[in-house]
């Protein structure tokens, strides 16, 4: 749906990349980021969610991944909770 030149979509709608290409090129040019790809924004989104502590399953759902294996590509960024998980085990051995 287009209103006043703005593009809106309903959740779950697929928006063809051709609908946003010219806007994306213009934004990159204005920002001086000629080498940034649209996928880079998606990667940053996932990376920041995981680094902020979002559960892997939640990030997978937000990205629309069908499997956790696909989301695991970003999992190397979410290591800060590993020590706490091991401490849970150590605490239960008392």
N, C-alpha and C. Protein backbone atom coordinates (compact mmCIF):
# COMPACT_ATOMS: atom_id res chain seq x y z
N UNK A 1 0.85 -1.16 0.00
CA UNK A 1 0.00 0.00 0.00
C UNK A 1 0.90 1.24 0.00
N UNK A 2 0.56 2.24 -0.77
CA UNK A 2 1.32 3.48 -0.83
C UNK A 2 0.43 4.63 -0.40
N UNK A 3 0.94 5.45 0.51
CA UNK A 3 0.22 6.63 0.99
C UNK A 3 1.18 7.81 0.92
N UNK A 4 0.82 8.83 0.17
CA UNK A 4 1.67 10.02 0.03
C UNK A 4 3.10 9.68 -0.38
N UNK A 5 3.26 8.66 -1.22
CA UNK A 5 4.58 8.29 -1.69
C UNK A 5 5.34 7.38 -0.74
N UNK A 6 4.79 7.11 0.45
CA UNK A 6 5.43 6.22 1.40
C UNK A 6 4.92 4.81 1.18
N UNK A 7 5.77 3.83 1.39
CA UNK A 7 5.39 2.43 1.19
C UNK A 7 5.12 1.81 2.55
N UNK A 8 3.97 1.18 2.69
CA UNK A 8 3.60 0.48 3.91
C UNK A 8 3.30 -0.97 3.57
N UNK A 9 3.47 -1.84 4.53
CA UNK A 9 3.17 -3.25 4.30
C UNK A 9 2.54 -3.83 5.55
N UNK A 10 1.76 -4.84 5.34
CA UNK A 10 1.18 -5.58 6.46
C UNK A 10 2.18 -6.62 6.91
N UNK A 11 2.15 -7.01 8.20
CA UNK A 11 3.07 -8.05 8.67
C UNK A 11 2.94 -9.29 7.79
N UNK A 12 4.09 -9.82 7.40
CA UNK A 12 4.11 -11.01 6.57
C UNK A 12 4.12 -10.74 5.08
N UNK A 13 3.86 -9.48 4.69
CA UNK A 13 3.90 -9.14 3.27
C UNK A 13 5.33 -9.22 2.75
N UNK A 14 5.47 -9.64 1.52
CA UNK A 14 6.77 -9.64 0.86
C UNK A 14 6.84 -8.40 -0.01
N UNK A 15 7.88 -7.61 0.21
CA UNK A 15 8.06 -6.38 -0.56
C UNK A 15 9.21 -6.63 -1.53
N UNK A 16 8.96 -6.57 -2.82
CA UNK A 16 10.03 -6.77 -3.80
C UNK A 16 11.15 -5.75 -3.61
N UNK A 17 12.38 -6.20 -3.73
CA UNK A 17 13.53 -5.32 -3.54
C UNK A 17 13.49 -4.13 -4.50
N UNK A 18 12.88 -4.33 -5.66
CA UNK A 18 12.81 -3.23 -6.63
C UNK A 18 12.02 -2.05 -6.08
N UNK A 19 11.15 -2.29 -5.11
CA UNK A 19 10.37 -1.20 -4.51
C UNK A 19 11.22 -0.28 -3.64
N UNK A 20 12.32 -0.78 -3.14
CA UNK A 20 13.12 0.04 -2.23
C UNK A 20 14.51 0.37 -2.77
N UNK A 21 14.89 -0.17 -3.92
CA UNK A 21 16.24 0.03 -4.43
C UNK A 21 16.62 1.49 -4.61
N UNK A 22 15.76 2.28 -5.21
CA UNK A 22 16.12 3.68 -5.45
C UNK A 22 16.21 4.45 -4.15
N UNK A 23 15.33 4.16 -3.20
CA UNK A 23 15.40 4.82 -1.89
C UNK A 23 16.67 4.42 -1.18
N UNK A 24 17.03 3.14 -1.27
CA UNK A 24 18.24 2.64 -0.63
C UNK A 24 19.49 3.30 -1.22
N UNK A 25 19.56 3.38 -2.55
CA UNK A 25 20.72 4.02 -3.20
C UNK A 25 20.85 5.47 -2.77
N UNK A 26 19.75 6.18 -2.71
CA UNK A 26 19.76 7.58 -2.31
C UNK A 26 20.22 7.73 -0.85
N UNK A 27 19.72 6.88 0.03
CA UNK A 27 20.11 6.94 1.44
C UNK A 27 21.60 6.65 1.61
N UNK A 28 22.12 5.65 0.88
CA UNK A 28 23.55 5.33 0.95
C UNK A 28 24.39 6.50 0.49
N UNK A 29 23.98 7.11 -0.60
CA UNK A 29 24.72 8.24 -1.15
C UNK A 29 24.76 9.39 -0.14
N UNK A 30 23.62 9.72 0.44
CA UNK A 30 23.55 10.80 1.42
C UNK A 30 24.39 10.52 2.66
N UNK A 31 24.44 9.25 3.05
CA UNK A 31 25.19 8.86 4.25
C UNK A 31 26.67 8.61 3.96
N UNK A 32 27.05 8.61 2.68
CA UNK A 32 28.43 8.34 2.31
C UNK A 32 28.83 6.90 2.56
N UNK A 33 27.89 5.99 2.40
CA UNK A 33 28.12 4.57 2.65
C UNK A 33 27.91 3.74 1.39
N UNK A 34 28.66 4.05 0.37
CA UNK A 34 28.44 3.42 -0.93
C UNK A 34 28.65 1.91 -0.92
N UNK A 35 29.45 1.38 0.00
CA UNK A 35 29.76 -0.04 0.02
C UNK A 35 28.80 -0.86 0.89
N UNK A 36 27.89 -0.22 1.59
CA UNK A 36 26.98 -0.93 2.48
C UNK A 36 25.86 -1.57 1.67
N UNK A 37 25.60 -2.85 1.98
CA UNK A 37 24.51 -3.57 1.30
C UNK A 37 23.30 -3.62 2.23
N UNK A 38 22.14 -3.79 1.63
CA UNK A 38 20.92 -3.90 2.42
C UNK A 38 21.03 -5.06 3.41
N UNK A 39 21.66 -6.14 3.00
CA UNK A 39 21.84 -7.29 3.89
C UNK A 39 22.69 -6.91 5.11
N UNK A 40 23.60 -5.96 4.96
CA UNK A 40 24.42 -5.53 6.09
C UNK A 40 23.55 -4.98 7.23
N UNK A 41 22.46 -4.31 6.88
CA UNK A 41 21.55 -3.80 7.90
C UNK A 41 20.88 -4.96 8.64
N UNK A 42 20.50 -5.98 7.90
CA UNK A 42 19.88 -7.16 8.50
C UNK A 42 20.87 -7.85 9.44
N UNK A 43 22.11 -7.96 9.02
CA UNK A 43 23.15 -8.57 9.83
C UNK A 43 23.37 -7.76 11.11
N UNK A 44 23.43 -6.46 10.98
CA UNK A 44 23.61 -5.59 12.15
C UNK A 44 22.43 -5.73 13.11
N UNK A 45 21.23 -5.79 12.58
CA UNK A 45 20.02 -5.96 13.39
C UNK A 45 20.12 -7.24 14.21
N UNK A 46 20.44 -8.34 13.56
CA UNK A 46 20.56 -9.63 14.26
C UNK A 46 21.70 -9.60 15.27
N UNK A 47 22.82 -9.06 14.87
CA UNK A 47 24.00 -9.02 15.74
C UNK A 47 23.73 -8.22 16.99
N UNK A 48 23.10 -7.07 16.84
CA UNK A 48 22.82 -6.22 18.00
C UNK A 48 21.79 -6.85 18.92
N UNK A 49 20.81 -7.52 18.35
CA UNK A 49 19.83 -8.22 19.19
C UNK A 49 20.51 -9.29 20.04
N UNK A 50 21.34 -10.10 19.40
CA UNK A 50 22.03 -11.18 20.12
C UNK A 50 23.02 -10.63 21.13
N UNK A 51 23.77 -9.62 20.75
CA UNK A 51 24.73 -9.02 21.68
C UNK A 51 24.02 -8.39 22.87
N UNK A 52 22.78 -7.97 22.66
CA UNK A 52 22.01 -7.38 23.74
C UNK A 52 21.32 -8.41 24.61
N UNK A 53 21.46 -9.69 24.27
CA UNK A 53 20.91 -10.74 25.10
C UNK A 53 19.61 -11.34 24.63
N UNK A 54 19.15 -10.98 23.44
CA UNK A 54 17.91 -11.57 22.92
C UNK A 54 18.12 -13.06 22.68
N UNK A 55 17.15 -13.89 23.04
CA UNK A 55 17.28 -15.33 22.81
C UNK A 55 17.38 -15.64 21.32
N UNK A 56 18.15 -16.66 21.01
CA UNK A 56 18.37 -17.06 19.62
C UNK A 56 17.05 -17.35 18.90
N UNK A 57 16.14 -18.03 19.59
CA UNK A 57 14.86 -18.36 18.98
C UNK A 57 14.08 -17.09 18.62
N UNK A 58 14.14 -16.09 19.48
CA UNK A 58 13.45 -14.82 19.22
C UNK A 58 14.02 -14.13 18.00
N UNK A 59 15.34 -14.10 17.91
CA UNK A 59 15.99 -13.48 16.75
C UNK A 59 15.64 -14.24 15.48
N UNK A 60 15.61 -15.55 15.56
CA UNK A 60 15.23 -16.36 14.39
C UNK A 60 13.83 -15.99 13.91
N UNK A 61 12.92 -15.84 14.83
CA UNK A 61 11.54 -15.47 14.46
C UNK A 61 11.49 -14.08 13.86
N UNK A 62 12.23 -13.13 14.46
CA UNK A 62 12.23 -11.76 13.94
C UNK A 62 12.81 -11.69 12.53
N UNK A 63 13.80 -12.52 12.26
CA UNK A 63 14.43 -12.52 10.94
C UNK A 63 13.65 -13.36 9.92
N UNK A 64 12.70 -14.14 10.41
CA UNK A 64 11.92 -14.98 9.51
C UNK A 64 12.64 -16.25 9.10
N UNK A 65 13.63 -16.65 9.88
CA UNK A 65 14.35 -17.88 9.57
C UNK A 65 13.49 -19.09 9.88
N UNK A 66 13.56 -20.09 9.04
CA UNK A 66 12.79 -21.32 9.25
C UNK A 66 13.50 -22.28 10.18
N UNK A 67 14.81 -22.13 10.31
CA UNK A 67 15.58 -23.02 11.18
C UNK A 67 16.51 -22.20 12.06
N UNK A 68 16.84 -22.75 13.23
CA UNK A 68 17.81 -22.09 14.09
C UNK A 68 19.21 -22.15 13.50
N UNK A 69 19.45 -23.14 12.66
CA UNK A 69 20.76 -23.26 12.02
C UNK A 69 21.09 -22.00 11.22
N UNK A 70 20.09 -21.45 10.57
CA UNK A 70 20.30 -20.23 9.81
C UNK A 70 20.69 -19.06 10.73
N UNK A 71 20.04 -18.98 11.86
CA UNK A 71 20.30 -17.89 12.81
C UNK A 71 21.63 -18.08 13.52
N UNK A 72 22.10 -19.32 13.61
CA UNK A 72 23.36 -19.62 14.29
C UNK A 72 24.54 -18.91 13.64
N UNK A 73 24.37 -18.43 12.43
CA UNK A 73 25.44 -17.67 11.78
C UNK A 73 25.81 -16.43 12.59
N UNK A 74 24.86 -15.95 13.37
CA UNK A 74 25.08 -14.75 14.18
C UNK A 74 25.42 -15.09 15.63
N UNK A 75 25.34 -16.35 15.99
CA UNK A 75 25.45 -16.76 17.39
C UNK A 75 26.83 -16.51 17.98
N UNK A 76 27.85 -16.43 17.18
CA UNK A 76 29.19 -16.18 17.71
C UNK A 76 29.26 -14.83 18.42
N UNK A 77 28.27 -14.00 18.20
CA UNK A 77 28.24 -12.68 18.82
C UNK A 77 27.56 -12.71 20.18
N UNK A 78 26.97 -13.82 20.55
CA UNK A 78 26.21 -13.90 21.80
C UNK A 78 26.89 -14.86 22.76
N UNK A 79 28.10 -14.53 23.18
CA UNK A 79 28.86 -15.43 24.05
C UNK A 79 28.86 -14.99 25.51
N UNK A 80 28.36 -13.80 25.81
CA UNK A 80 28.47 -13.30 27.18
C UNK A 80 27.65 -14.11 28.19
N UNK A 81 26.66 -14.86 27.76
CA UNK A 81 25.86 -15.64 28.69
C UNK A 81 26.42 -17.02 28.98
N UNK A 82 27.50 -17.39 28.32
CA UNK A 82 28.03 -18.74 28.49
C UNK A 82 28.57 -18.99 29.89
N UNK A 83 29.31 -18.06 30.44
CA UNK A 83 29.85 -18.24 31.78
C UNK A 83 28.74 -18.36 32.82
N UNK A 84 27.70 -17.54 32.66
CA UNK A 84 26.57 -17.59 33.59
C UNK A 84 25.87 -18.95 33.53
N UNK A 85 25.77 -19.52 32.33
CA UNK A 85 25.14 -20.83 32.18
C UNK A 85 25.95 -21.90 32.90
N UNK A 86 27.26 -21.86 32.78
CA UNK A 86 28.12 -22.83 33.46
C UNK A 86 28.02 -22.65 34.97
N UNK A 87 27.93 -21.42 35.43
CA UNK A 87 27.79 -21.16 36.86
C UNK A 87 26.49 -21.76 37.41
N UNK A 88 25.44 -21.81 36.60
CA UNK A 88 24.20 -22.44 37.03
C UNK A 88 24.44 -23.92 37.35
N UNK A 89 25.21 -24.56 36.51
CA UNK A 89 25.53 -25.98 36.74
C UNK A 89 26.38 -26.14 38.01
N UNK A 90 27.37 -25.29 38.13
CA UNK A 90 28.26 -25.38 39.29
C UNK A 90 27.50 -25.12 40.58
N UNK A 91 26.52 -24.20 40.54
CA UNK A 91 25.73 -23.89 41.71
C UNK A 91 24.81 -25.02 42.12
N UNK A 92 24.40 -25.85 41.18
CA UNK A 92 23.51 -26.97 41.47
C UNK A 92 24.24 -28.19 42.02
N UNK A 93 25.56 -28.17 42.05
CA UNK A 93 26.32 -29.32 42.52
C UNK A 93 26.52 -29.31 44.03
N UNK A 94 26.07 -28.30 44.70
CA UNK A 94 26.26 -28.20 46.15
C UNK A 94 25.36 -29.15 46.90
